């Protein structure tokens, strides 16, 4: 059975929660081994804030890159059907024929770094014409009177009926912007993408 995707517990754990949501999306609950869950949480949230407080600046690009390498090694040793690819910079752009677009069409998922007031990680799970389906682990309620005005655009749609796949539909054009508004990836020098595949499912697709 597939799990529901999860929301982050604190202001800082969007990185590991998005990685774990990728695992939840790709694998049945019975397939997921506990050491994979343990080490994703252990190796993420590796940064310090300006006050020198550990974890309170989230997860670094270096940690995401390391996780891609670690999960590939884990999968090789444990014979676990997971494969990862990590990209930065100019390679992180979204179109149907991009690395990310092809991964989504082949049933993979992609953890990307973008902005939501602050740097943030979300999980991409699908691509439909000029929009991307994603799961944002930062919980928001659309009827909250304090909901930020930046959500008030046709480029961002809240989804409520696919809790195992996505809670947002966002235009590709918005995601690709080099500015730092909500659900924009920003300048190329701060872009990251970690692609994850279930290798058996990819082979069958």
N, C-alpha and C. Protein backbone atom coordinates (compact mmCIF):
# COMPACT_ATOMS: atom_id res chain seq x y z
N UNK A 1 0.84 -1.20 0.00
CA UNK A 1 0.00 0.00 0.00
C UNK A 1 0.87 1.24 0.00
N UNK A 2 0.49 2.24 -0.79
CA UNK A 2 1.22 3.51 -0.82
C UNK A 2 0.76 4.39 0.34
N UNK A 3 1.73 5.09 0.94
CA UNK A 3 1.44 6.02 2.03
C UNK A 3 0.94 7.36 1.49
N UNK A 4 0.22 8.09 2.34
CA UNK A 4 -0.02 9.50 2.09
C UNK A 4 1.31 10.24 2.17
N UNK A 5 1.44 11.33 1.41
CA UNK A 5 2.64 12.15 1.52
C UNK A 5 2.54 13.02 2.77
N UNK A 6 3.70 13.38 3.30
CA UNK A 6 3.78 14.02 4.61
C UNK A 6 4.07 15.51 4.54
N UNK A 7 3.68 16.22 5.60
CA UNK A 7 4.05 17.62 5.79
C UNK A 7 5.19 17.71 6.79
N UNK A 8 5.97 18.78 6.67
CA UNK A 8 7.10 18.95 7.57
C UNK A 8 6.61 19.24 8.98
N UNK A 9 7.45 18.86 9.94
CA UNK A 9 7.12 18.99 11.36
C UNK A 9 7.57 20.33 11.92
N UNK A 10 8.64 20.90 11.35
CA UNK A 10 9.19 22.17 11.82
C UNK A 10 9.32 23.13 10.63
N UNK A 11 9.92 24.27 10.87
CA UNK A 11 10.18 25.24 9.80
C UNK A 11 11.35 24.82 8.93
N UNK A 12 12.07 23.76 9.29
CA UNK A 12 13.39 23.52 8.71
C UNK A 12 13.55 22.18 8.00
N UNK A 13 12.59 21.26 8.11
CA UNK A 13 12.81 19.89 7.62
C UNK A 13 12.16 19.61 6.27
N UNK A 14 11.99 20.66 5.43
CA UNK A 14 11.41 20.44 4.10
C UNK A 14 12.28 19.53 3.24
N UNK A 15 13.60 19.59 3.42
CA UNK A 15 14.51 18.76 2.62
C UNK A 15 14.32 17.28 2.86
N UNK A 16 14.54 16.80 4.11
CA UNK A 16 14.36 15.37 4.35
C UNK A 16 12.94 14.90 4.15
N UNK A 17 11.94 15.73 4.48
CA UNK A 17 10.55 15.33 4.27
C UNK A 17 10.26 15.16 2.78
N UNK A 18 10.81 16.03 1.94
CA UNK A 18 10.60 15.87 0.49
C UNK A 18 11.29 14.63 -0.04
N UNK A 19 12.48 14.32 0.48
CA UNK A 19 13.14 13.07 0.09
C UNK A 19 12.31 11.86 0.51
N UNK A 20 11.83 11.87 1.74
CA UNK A 20 11.01 10.75 2.22
C UNK A 20 9.69 10.67 1.45
N UNK A 21 9.14 11.82 1.07
CA UNK A 21 7.93 11.79 0.25
C UNK A 21 8.22 11.16 -1.11
N UNK A 22 9.42 11.39 -1.63
CA UNK A 22 9.80 10.72 -2.87
C UNK A 22 9.81 9.22 -2.71
N UNK A 23 10.36 8.74 -1.59
CA UNK A 23 10.36 7.30 -1.30
C UNK A 23 8.94 6.79 -1.13
N UNK A 24 8.12 7.53 -0.40
CA UNK A 24 6.72 7.15 -0.20
C UNK A 24 5.97 7.05 -1.52
N UNK A 25 6.24 8.00 -2.43
CA UNK A 25 5.55 8.01 -3.71
C UNK A 25 5.98 6.84 -4.60
N UNK A 26 7.25 6.51 -4.57
CA UNK A 26 7.78 5.50 -5.48
C UNK A 26 7.54 4.07 -5.01
N UNK A 27 7.46 3.87 -3.68
CA UNK A 27 7.45 2.51 -3.14
C UNK A 27 6.23 2.25 -2.26
N UNK A 28 5.83 0.98 -2.26
CA UNK A 28 4.82 0.54 -1.30
C UNK A 28 5.41 0.62 0.11
N UNK A 29 4.54 0.85 1.09
CA UNK A 29 5.01 0.95 2.47
C UNK A 29 5.80 -0.29 2.88
N UNK A 30 5.34 -1.46 2.43
CA UNK A 30 5.99 -2.71 2.82
C UNK A 30 7.39 -2.85 2.22
N UNK A 31 7.68 -2.10 1.17
CA UNK A 31 9.00 -2.17 0.53
C UNK A 31 10.04 -1.28 1.21
N UNK A 32 9.60 -0.28 1.95
CA UNK A 32 10.51 0.74 2.46
C UNK A 32 11.22 0.21 3.70
N UNK A 33 12.55 0.23 3.64
CA UNK A 33 13.34 -0.30 4.75
C UNK A 33 13.66 0.82 5.75
N UNK A 34 13.68 0.51 7.05
CA UNK A 34 13.82 1.57 8.06
C UNK A 34 15.16 2.28 8.06
N UNK A 35 16.24 1.60 7.65
CA UNK A 35 17.53 2.28 7.66
C UNK A 35 17.58 3.41 6.63
N UNK A 36 16.81 3.28 5.53
CA UNK A 36 16.73 4.35 4.55
C UNK A 36 16.08 5.59 5.17
N UNK A 37 15.01 5.38 5.91
CA UNK A 37 14.33 6.48 6.59
C UNK A 37 15.26 7.13 7.61
N UNK A 38 15.93 6.30 8.40
CA UNK A 38 16.81 6.81 9.45
C UNK A 38 17.91 7.70 8.89
N UNK A 39 18.58 7.25 7.84
CA UNK A 39 19.74 8.00 7.36
C UNK A 39 19.37 9.23 6.54
N UNK A 40 18.20 9.25 5.92
CA UNK A 40 17.75 10.48 5.28
C UNK A 40 17.60 11.58 6.34
N UNK A 41 16.98 11.25 7.47
CA UNK A 41 16.83 12.24 8.53
C UNK A 41 18.17 12.60 9.16
N UNK A 42 19.07 11.66 9.24
CA UNK A 42 20.37 11.90 9.89
C UNK A 42 21.25 12.84 9.08
N UNK A 43 21.27 12.70 7.76
CA UNK A 43 22.22 13.43 6.93
C UNK A 43 21.71 14.78 6.43
N UNK A 44 20.42 15.04 6.56
CA UNK A 44 19.88 16.34 6.13
C UNK A 44 19.85 17.33 7.30
N UNK A 45 19.32 18.52 7.08
CA UNK A 45 19.31 19.59 8.09
C UNK A 45 20.70 19.78 8.69
N UNK A 46 21.68 19.96 7.81
CA UNK A 46 23.09 19.96 8.19
C UNK A 46 23.67 21.35 8.39
N UNK A 47 22.86 22.40 8.26
CA UNK A 47 23.41 23.76 8.25
C UNK A 47 23.12 24.51 9.55
N UNK A 48 23.89 25.58 9.76
CA UNK A 48 23.72 26.46 10.91
C UNK A 48 23.13 27.80 10.45
N UNK A 49 22.34 28.42 11.31
CA UNK A 49 21.87 29.77 11.00
C UNK A 49 22.89 30.80 11.47
N UNK A 50 22.57 32.07 11.32
CA UNK A 50 23.52 33.13 11.65
C UNK A 50 23.84 33.19 13.14
N UNK A 51 22.97 32.61 13.95
CA UNK A 51 23.22 32.58 15.40
C UNK A 51 23.99 31.34 15.82
N UNK A 52 24.40 30.53 14.84
CA UNK A 52 25.16 29.32 15.15
C UNK A 52 24.32 28.16 15.64
N UNK A 53 23.02 28.17 15.31
CA UNK A 53 22.13 27.11 15.75
C UNK A 53 22.04 26.04 14.67
N UNK A 54 22.38 24.82 15.03
CA UNK A 54 22.37 23.71 14.07
C UNK A 54 20.96 23.39 13.61
N UNK A 55 20.83 23.05 12.34
CA UNK A 55 19.60 22.62 11.67
C UNK A 55 18.69 23.79 11.28
N UNK A 56 18.88 24.97 11.86
CA UNK A 56 17.92 26.05 11.63
C UNK A 56 18.20 26.87 10.38
N UNK A 57 18.95 26.28 9.44
CA UNK A 57 19.08 26.86 8.10
C UNK A 57 18.78 25.79 7.05
N UNK A 58 18.12 24.72 7.53
CA UNK A 58 17.66 23.69 6.61
C UNK A 58 18.74 22.76 6.10
N UNK A 59 18.58 22.32 4.86
CA UNK A 59 19.44 21.32 4.24
C UNK A 59 20.24 21.95 3.11
N UNK A 60 21.53 21.69 3.07
CA UNK A 60 22.40 22.30 2.07
C UNK A 60 22.37 21.51 0.76
N UNK A 61 22.85 22.17 -0.31
CA UNK A 61 23.01 21.49 -1.60
C UNK A 61 24.02 20.36 -1.47
N UNK A 62 25.06 20.57 -0.64
CA UNK A 62 26.06 19.52 -0.45
C UNK A 62 25.42 18.27 0.16
N UNK A 63 24.50 18.47 1.10
CA UNK A 63 23.83 17.32 1.72
C UNK A 63 22.94 16.60 0.71
N UNK A 64 22.24 17.36 -0.14
CA UNK A 64 21.41 16.73 -1.16
C UNK A 64 22.25 15.94 -2.16
N UNK A 65 23.37 16.49 -2.55
CA UNK A 65 24.29 15.79 -3.45
C UNK A 65 24.80 14.51 -2.79
N UNK A 66 25.17 14.64 -1.52
CA UNK A 66 25.63 13.47 -0.77
C UNK A 66 24.53 12.41 -0.67
N UNK A 67 23.29 12.85 -0.42
CA UNK A 67 22.19 11.89 -0.31
C UNK A 67 21.98 11.12 -1.61
N UNK A 68 22.12 11.81 -2.75
CA UNK A 68 21.99 11.10 -4.03
C UNK A 68 23.04 10.01 -4.15
N UNK A 69 24.28 10.36 -3.79
CA UNK A 69 25.36 9.38 -3.85
C UNK A 69 25.14 8.26 -2.83
N UNK A 70 24.76 8.63 -1.61
CA UNK A 70 24.55 7.64 -0.56
C UNK A 70 23.42 6.68 -0.93
N UNK A 71 22.31 7.21 -1.44
CA UNK A 71 21.18 6.34 -1.79
C UNK A 71 21.52 5.41 -2.95
N UNK A 72 22.34 5.87 -3.89
CA UNK A 72 22.77 4.98 -4.97
C UNK A 72 23.64 3.85 -4.42
N UNK A 73 24.54 4.18 -3.50
CA UNK A 73 25.39 3.15 -2.88
C UNK A 73 24.53 2.19 -2.04
N UNK A 74 23.64 2.75 -1.26
CA UNK A 74 22.71 1.94 -0.45
C UNK A 74 21.94 0.97 -1.34
N UNK A 75 21.43 1.48 -2.45
CA UNK A 75 20.63 0.65 -3.35
C UNK A 75 21.44 -0.47 -3.98
N UNK A 76 22.72 -0.16 -4.29
CA UNK A 76 23.59 -1.18 -4.87
C UNK A 76 23.89 -2.28 -3.86
N UNK A 77 24.22 -1.89 -2.64
CA UNK A 77 24.60 -2.87 -1.61
C UNK A 77 23.39 -3.69 -1.15
N UNK A 78 22.26 -3.01 -0.97
CA UNK A 78 21.06 -3.65 -0.43
C UNK A 78 20.17 -4.27 -1.51
N UNK A 79 20.54 -4.08 -2.79
CA UNK A 79 19.69 -4.55 -3.89
C UNK A 79 18.30 -3.92 -3.80
N UNK A 80 18.29 -2.63 -3.46
CA UNK A 80 17.04 -1.87 -3.35
C UNK A 80 16.83 -1.11 -4.65
N UNK A 81 15.67 -1.21 -5.27
CA UNK A 81 15.49 -0.68 -6.65
C UNK A 81 15.27 0.83 -6.72
N UNK A 82 16.28 1.57 -6.31
CA UNK A 82 16.22 3.04 -6.33
C UNK A 82 17.46 3.57 -7.04
N UNK A 83 17.28 4.55 -7.92
CA UNK A 83 18.41 5.22 -8.58
C UNK A 83 18.20 6.72 -8.49
N UNK A 84 19.30 7.44 -8.25
CA UNK A 84 19.23 8.89 -8.06
C UNK A 84 20.21 9.62 -8.98
N UNK A 85 19.83 10.84 -9.36
CA UNK A 85 20.71 11.73 -10.13
C UNK A 85 20.60 13.11 -9.51
N UNK A 86 21.75 13.81 -9.38
CA UNK A 86 21.74 15.14 -8.79
C UNK A 86 22.28 16.15 -9.80
N UNK A 87 21.55 17.25 -10.00
CA UNK A 87 21.95 18.28 -10.96
C UNK A 87 21.89 19.65 -10.31
N UNK A 88 22.72 20.56 -10.82
CA UNK A 88 22.71 21.94 -10.36
C UNK A 88 22.80 22.87 -11.56
N UNK A 89 22.58 24.17 -11.29
CA UNK A 89 22.83 25.20 -12.28
C UNK A 89 21.96 25.12 -13.51
N UNK A 90 22.59 25.31 -14.68
CA UNK A 90 21.87 25.39 -15.95
C UNK A 90 21.10 24.12 -16.29
N UNK A 91 21.51 23.00 -15.72
CA UNK A 91 20.82 21.73 -16.01
C UNK A 91 19.47 21.65 -15.31
N UNK A 92 19.21 22.57 -14.38
CA UNK A 92 17.95 22.53 -13.63
C UNK A 92 16.97 23.53 -14.26
N UNK A 93 16.29 23.07 -15.28
CA UNK A 93 15.23 23.83 -15.96
C UNK A 93 14.16 22.83 -16.33
N UNK A 94 12.93 23.30 -16.40
CA UNK A 94 11.80 22.38 -16.61
C UNK A 94 11.15 22.63 -17.96
N UNK A 95 11.06 21.57 -18.73
CA UNK A 95 10.28 21.53 -19.96
C UNK A 95 9.96 20.06 -20.21
N UNK A 96 9.01 19.76 -21.08
CA UNK A 96 8.71 18.35 -21.33
C UNK A 96 9.92 17.53 -21.77
N UNK A 97 10.89 18.16 -22.44
CA UNK A 97 12.05 17.43 -22.94
C UNK A 97 13.31 17.61 -22.09
N UNK A 98 13.21 18.30 -20.97
CA UNK A 98 14.37 18.48 -20.10
C UNK A 98 14.62 17.20 -19.29
N UNK A 99 15.75 17.15 -18.59
CA UNK A 99 16.03 16.00 -17.72
C UNK A 99 14.88 15.80 -16.74
N UNK A 100 14.43 16.90 -16.15
CA UNK A 100 13.35 16.81 -15.16
C UNK A 100 12.06 16.37 -15.82
N UNK A 101 11.71 16.95 -16.96
CA UNK A 101 10.49 16.57 -17.66
C UNK A 101 10.49 15.10 -18.04
N UNK A 102 11.61 14.61 -18.57
CA UNK A 102 11.70 13.20 -18.95
C UNK A 102 11.59 12.29 -17.73
N UNK A 103 12.21 12.69 -16.64
CA UNK A 103 12.14 11.88 -15.41
C UNK A 103 10.70 11.74 -14.94
N UNK A 104 9.96 12.84 -14.95
CA UNK A 104 8.57 12.80 -14.51
C UNK A 104 7.72 11.95 -15.44
N UNK A 105 7.98 12.03 -16.74
CA UNK A 105 7.22 11.22 -17.70
C UNK A 105 7.53 9.73 -17.55
N UNK A 106 8.72 9.41 -17.05
CA UNK A 106 9.11 8.01 -16.87
C UNK A 106 8.73 7.47 -15.50
N UNK A 107 7.95 8.24 -14.74
CA UNK A 107 7.49 7.77 -13.44
C UNK A 107 8.39 8.13 -12.28
N UNK A 108 9.43 8.90 -12.53
CA UNK A 108 10.31 9.32 -11.45
C UNK A 108 9.73 10.52 -10.72
N UNK A 109 10.42 10.93 -9.67
CA UNK A 109 10.07 12.14 -8.92
C UNK A 109 11.32 13.00 -8.79
N UNK A 110 11.12 14.28 -8.47
CA UNK A 110 12.25 15.21 -8.42
C UNK A 110 12.09 16.13 -7.22
N UNK A 111 13.09 16.09 -6.33
CA UNK A 111 13.16 17.07 -5.25
C UNK A 111 13.88 18.30 -5.80
N UNK A 112 13.22 19.45 -5.79
CA UNK A 112 13.87 20.66 -6.29
C UNK A 112 13.93 21.74 -5.21
N UNK A 113 14.91 22.60 -5.38
CA UNK A 113 15.11 23.76 -4.52
C UNK A 113 14.47 24.95 -5.20
N UNK A 114 13.58 25.63 -4.49
CA UNK A 114 12.94 26.85 -5.00
C UNK A 114 12.74 27.81 -3.84
N UNK A 115 11.85 28.76 -4.02
CA UNK A 115 11.66 29.77 -2.99
C UNK A 115 10.19 29.86 -2.57
N UNK A 116 10.00 30.03 -1.28
CA UNK A 116 8.70 30.23 -0.68
C UNK A 116 8.93 31.19 0.49
N UNK A 117 9.18 32.45 0.15
CA UNK A 117 9.71 33.48 1.05
C UNK A 117 11.18 33.20 1.37
N UNK A 118 11.50 31.97 1.71
CA UNK A 118 12.87 31.55 2.00
C UNK A 118 13.20 30.35 1.11
N UNK A 119 14.47 29.95 1.01
CA UNK A 119 14.79 28.73 0.25
C UNK A 119 14.01 27.54 0.78
N UNK A 120 13.60 26.67 -0.13
CA UNK A 120 12.62 25.63 0.23
C UNK A 120 12.77 24.45 -0.72
N UNK A 121 12.42 23.25 -0.25
CA UNK A 121 12.40 22.05 -1.08
C UNK A 121 10.98 21.53 -1.22
N UNK A 122 10.64 21.10 -2.45
CA UNK A 122 9.36 20.45 -2.72
C UNK A 122 9.61 19.23 -3.58
N UNK A 123 8.59 18.40 -3.74
CA UNK A 123 8.70 17.19 -4.56
C UNK A 123 7.83 17.32 -5.80
N UNK A 124 8.43 17.23 -6.99
CA UNK A 124 7.69 17.19 -8.24
C UNK A 124 7.28 15.75 -8.54
N UNK A 125 6.00 15.54 -8.90
CA UNK A 125 5.52 14.18 -9.14
C UNK A 125 4.89 13.98 -10.50
N UNK A 126 4.67 15.05 -11.27
CA UNK A 126 4.06 14.87 -12.58
C UNK A 126 4.17 16.12 -13.42
N UNK A 127 3.98 15.97 -14.73
CA UNK A 127 4.02 17.09 -15.64
C UNK A 127 2.85 16.95 -16.60
N UNK A 128 2.08 18.03 -16.77
CA UNK A 128 0.88 18.02 -17.61
C UNK A 128 0.89 19.28 -18.47
N UNK A 129 1.21 19.14 -19.74
CA UNK A 129 1.27 20.27 -20.68
C UNK A 129 2.15 21.38 -20.12
N UNK A 130 1.57 22.49 -19.70
CA UNK A 130 2.38 23.63 -19.25
C UNK A 130 2.41 23.78 -17.74
N UNK A 131 2.09 22.68 -17.02
CA UNK A 131 2.06 22.74 -15.56
C UNK A 131 2.76 21.53 -14.96
N UNK A 132 3.20 21.69 -13.72
CA UNK A 132 3.85 20.61 -12.98
C UNK A 132 3.04 20.33 -11.73
N UNK A 133 2.87 19.06 -11.41
CA UNK A 133 2.25 18.66 -10.16
C UNK A 133 3.35 18.51 -9.12
N UNK A 134 3.11 19.05 -7.92
CA UNK A 134 4.12 18.95 -6.87
C UNK A 134 3.46 18.80 -5.52
N UNK A 135 4.24 18.29 -4.58
CA UNK A 135 3.80 18.23 -3.19
C UNK A 135 4.69 19.15 -2.38
N UNK A 136 4.08 20.20 -1.83
CA UNK A 136 4.78 21.14 -0.97
C UNK A 136 4.59 20.69 0.47
N UNK A 137 5.67 20.38 1.20
CA UNK A 137 5.52 19.88 2.56
C UNK A 137 5.17 20.95 3.59
N UNK A 138 5.15 22.23 3.16
CA UNK A 138 4.79 23.31 4.08
C UNK A 138 3.27 23.47 4.07
N UNK A 139 2.64 23.10 5.17
CA UNK A 139 1.18 23.05 5.22
C UNK A 139 0.57 24.45 5.20
N UNK A 140 -0.40 24.65 4.31
CA UNK A 140 -1.16 25.89 4.23
C UNK A 140 -2.64 25.54 4.09
N UNK A 141 -3.50 26.41 4.61
CA UNK A 141 -4.94 26.27 4.42
C UNK A 141 -5.43 27.42 3.56
N UNK A 142 -6.10 27.09 2.48
CA UNK A 142 -6.47 28.10 1.48
C UNK A 142 -7.47 29.11 2.05
N UNK A 143 -8.24 28.73 3.08
CA UNK A 143 -9.20 29.66 3.66
C UNK A 143 -8.64 30.41 4.87
N UNK A 144 -7.35 30.29 5.11
CA UNK A 144 -6.70 31.02 6.20
C UNK A 144 -6.65 32.51 5.84
N UNK A 145 -7.23 33.38 6.66
CA UNK A 145 -7.21 34.81 6.33
C UNK A 145 -5.80 35.40 6.26
N UNK A 146 -4.82 34.70 6.82
CA UNK A 146 -3.44 35.17 6.79
C UNK A 146 -2.63 34.54 5.64
N UNK A 147 -3.32 33.80 4.76
CA UNK A 147 -2.63 33.19 3.62
C UNK A 147 -2.00 34.29 2.76
N UNK A 148 -0.75 34.12 2.40
CA UNK A 148 -0.02 35.15 1.66
C UNK A 148 -0.66 35.43 0.31
N UNK A 149 -0.65 36.71 -0.07
CA UNK A 149 -1.27 37.16 -1.32
C UNK A 149 -0.62 36.53 -2.54
N UNK A 150 0.63 36.13 -2.43
CA UNK A 150 1.33 35.61 -3.60
C UNK A 150 0.71 34.32 -4.13
N UNK A 151 -0.07 33.63 -3.31
CA UNK A 151 -0.78 32.45 -3.79
C UNK A 151 -1.94 32.81 -4.70
N UNK A 152 -2.36 34.05 -4.70
CA UNK A 152 -3.55 34.47 -5.44
C UNK A 152 -3.24 34.70 -6.92
N UNK A 153 -2.98 33.64 -7.62
CA UNK A 153 -2.66 33.69 -9.04
C UNK A 153 -3.07 32.38 -9.69
N UNK A 154 -3.46 32.44 -10.96
CA UNK A 154 -3.81 31.22 -11.69
C UNK A 154 -2.60 30.32 -11.90
N UNK A 155 -1.40 30.86 -11.71
CA UNK A 155 -0.18 30.06 -11.90
C UNK A 155 0.03 29.05 -10.78
N UNK A 156 -0.65 29.26 -9.63
CA UNK A 156 -0.56 28.35 -8.49
C UNK A 156 -1.96 27.87 -8.15
N UNK A 157 -2.17 26.56 -8.21
CA UNK A 157 -3.47 25.99 -7.87
C UNK A 157 -3.31 25.00 -6.72
N UNK A 158 -4.14 25.13 -5.69
CA UNK A 158 -4.17 24.17 -4.60
C UNK A 158 -4.95 22.93 -5.03
N UNK A 159 -4.43 21.75 -4.70
CA UNK A 159 -5.10 20.48 -5.00
C UNK A 159 -5.44 19.78 -3.68
N UNK A 160 -6.61 19.18 -3.61
CA UNK A 160 -7.06 18.58 -2.36
C UNK A 160 -7.42 17.10 -2.49
N UNK A 161 -7.47 16.58 -3.70
CA UNK A 161 -7.99 15.23 -3.90
C UNK A 161 -6.92 14.20 -4.28
N UNK A 162 -5.63 14.59 -4.17
CA UNK A 162 -4.55 13.66 -4.54
C UNK A 162 -3.48 13.63 -3.43
N UNK A 163 -3.83 13.26 -2.20
CA UNK A 163 -2.88 13.34 -1.08
C UNK A 163 -1.70 12.38 -1.18
N UNK A 164 -1.76 11.43 -2.11
CA UNK A 164 -0.62 10.53 -2.32
C UNK A 164 0.26 10.98 -3.48
N UNK A 165 -0.10 12.13 -4.08
CA UNK A 165 0.67 12.58 -5.25
C UNK A 165 1.02 14.06 -5.22
N UNK A 166 0.07 14.93 -5.04
CA UNK A 166 0.34 16.37 -5.19
C UNK A 166 -0.67 17.20 -4.42
N UNK A 167 -0.22 18.37 -3.95
CA UNK A 167 -1.14 19.34 -3.35
C UNK A 167 -1.07 20.71 -4.04
N UNK A 168 -0.28 20.79 -5.10
CA UNK A 168 -0.19 22.01 -5.90
C UNK A 168 -0.05 21.65 -7.38
N UNK A 169 -0.58 22.53 -8.23
CA UNK A 169 -0.30 22.52 -9.66
C UNK A 169 0.25 23.90 -9.98
N UNK A 170 1.47 23.95 -10.52
CA UNK A 170 2.16 25.23 -10.73
C UNK A 170 2.62 25.32 -12.18
N UNK A 171 2.48 26.50 -12.77
CA UNK A 171 2.88 26.66 -14.17
C UNK A 171 4.39 26.48 -14.32
N UNK A 172 4.79 25.85 -15.41
CA UNK A 172 6.21 25.64 -15.70
C UNK A 172 6.91 26.98 -15.86
N UNK A 173 6.23 27.92 -16.48
CA UNK A 173 6.85 29.24 -16.69
C UNK A 173 7.21 29.88 -15.35
N UNK A 174 6.34 29.76 -14.37
CA UNK A 174 6.62 30.33 -13.05
C UNK A 174 7.81 29.64 -12.39
N UNK A 175 7.82 28.33 -12.41
CA UNK A 175 8.92 27.57 -11.80
C UNK A 175 10.27 27.94 -12.42
N UNK A 176 10.29 28.17 -13.71
CA UNK A 176 11.54 28.44 -14.41
C UNK A 176 12.08 29.86 -14.22
N UNK A 177 11.32 30.74 -13.60
CA UNK A 177 11.76 32.12 -13.47
C UNK A 177 13.04 32.24 -12.65
N UNK A 178 13.84 33.23 -12.98
CA UNK A 178 15.10 33.46 -12.27
C UNK A 178 14.93 34.42 -11.10
N UNK A 179 13.71 34.79 -10.80
CA UNK A 179 13.42 35.60 -9.61
C UNK A 179 13.10 34.67 -8.44
N UNK A 180 12.78 35.26 -7.29
CA UNK A 180 12.62 34.47 -6.07
C UNK A 180 11.24 34.61 -5.45
N UNK A 181 10.21 34.69 -6.30
CA UNK A 181 8.85 34.67 -5.79
C UNK A 181 8.44 33.25 -5.42
N UNK A 182 7.20 33.09 -4.96
CA UNK A 182 6.72 31.77 -4.56
C UNK A 182 6.78 30.79 -5.74
N UNK A 183 7.35 29.62 -5.49
CA UNK A 183 7.48 28.55 -6.48
C UNK A 183 8.27 28.99 -7.71
N UNK A 184 9.27 29.82 -7.51
CA UNK A 184 10.22 30.18 -8.57
C UNK A 184 11.59 29.64 -8.16
N UNK A 185 12.33 29.08 -9.14
CA UNK A 185 13.61 28.45 -8.81
C UNK A 185 14.76 29.44 -8.67
N UNK A 186 14.58 30.65 -9.14
CA UNK A 186 15.62 31.66 -8.93
C UNK A 186 16.78 31.54 -9.90
N UNK A 187 17.88 32.22 -9.56
CA UNK A 187 19.06 32.24 -10.41
C UNK A 187 19.63 30.83 -10.57
N UNK A 188 20.32 30.61 -11.69
CA UNK A 188 20.85 29.28 -11.96
C UNK A 188 21.88 28.85 -10.93
N UNK A 189 22.59 29.80 -10.33
CA UNK A 189 23.64 29.41 -9.38
C UNK A 189 23.09 28.89 -8.06
N UNK A 190 21.77 28.94 -7.86
CA UNK A 190 21.20 28.39 -6.62
C UNK A 190 20.24 27.24 -6.90
N UNK A 191 20.25 26.73 -8.12
CA UNK A 191 19.31 25.67 -8.47
C UNK A 191 19.85 24.28 -8.18
N UNK A 192 18.97 23.42 -7.69
CA UNK A 192 19.32 22.02 -7.40
C UNK A 192 18.13 21.14 -7.78
N UNK A 193 18.43 19.93 -8.22
CA UNK A 193 17.38 18.94 -8.47
C UNK A 193 17.94 17.56 -8.19
N UNK A 194 17.22 16.78 -7.39
CA UNK A 194 17.58 15.39 -7.12
C UNK A 194 16.48 14.51 -7.69
N UNK A 195 16.82 13.80 -8.76
CA UNK A 195 15.86 12.92 -9.43
C UNK A 195 15.95 11.53 -8.81
N UNK A 196 14.79 10.92 -8.58
CA UNK A 196 14.72 9.58 -7.98
C UNK A 196 13.82 8.69 -8.84
N UNK A 197 14.30 7.48 -9.10
CA UNK A 197 13.54 6.49 -9.87
C UNK A 197 13.38 5.20 -9.07
N UNK A 198 12.23 4.57 -9.21
CA UNK A 198 12.07 3.17 -8.86
C UNK A 198 12.55 2.40 -10.07
N UNK A 199 13.68 1.73 -9.98
CA UNK A 199 14.32 1.18 -11.18
C UNK A 199 13.48 0.09 -11.85
N UNK A 200 12.77 -0.71 -11.07
CA UNK A 200 11.93 -1.75 -11.66
C UNK A 200 10.76 -1.13 -12.40
N UNK A 201 10.13 -0.13 -11.79
CA UNK A 201 9.00 0.53 -12.43
C UNK A 201 9.46 1.28 -13.69
N UNK A 202 10.64 1.89 -13.63
CA UNK A 202 11.17 2.60 -14.81
C UNK A 202 11.41 1.62 -15.95
N UNK A 203 11.96 0.45 -15.63
CA UNK A 203 12.23 -0.55 -16.65
C UNK A 203 10.96 -1.05 -17.31
N UNK A 204 9.85 -1.08 -16.50
CA UNK A 204 8.58 -1.58 -17.01
C UNK A 204 7.80 -0.53 -17.79
N UNK A 205 8.18 0.77 -17.64
CA UNK A 205 7.39 1.83 -18.26
C UNK A 205 7.75 2.02 -19.73
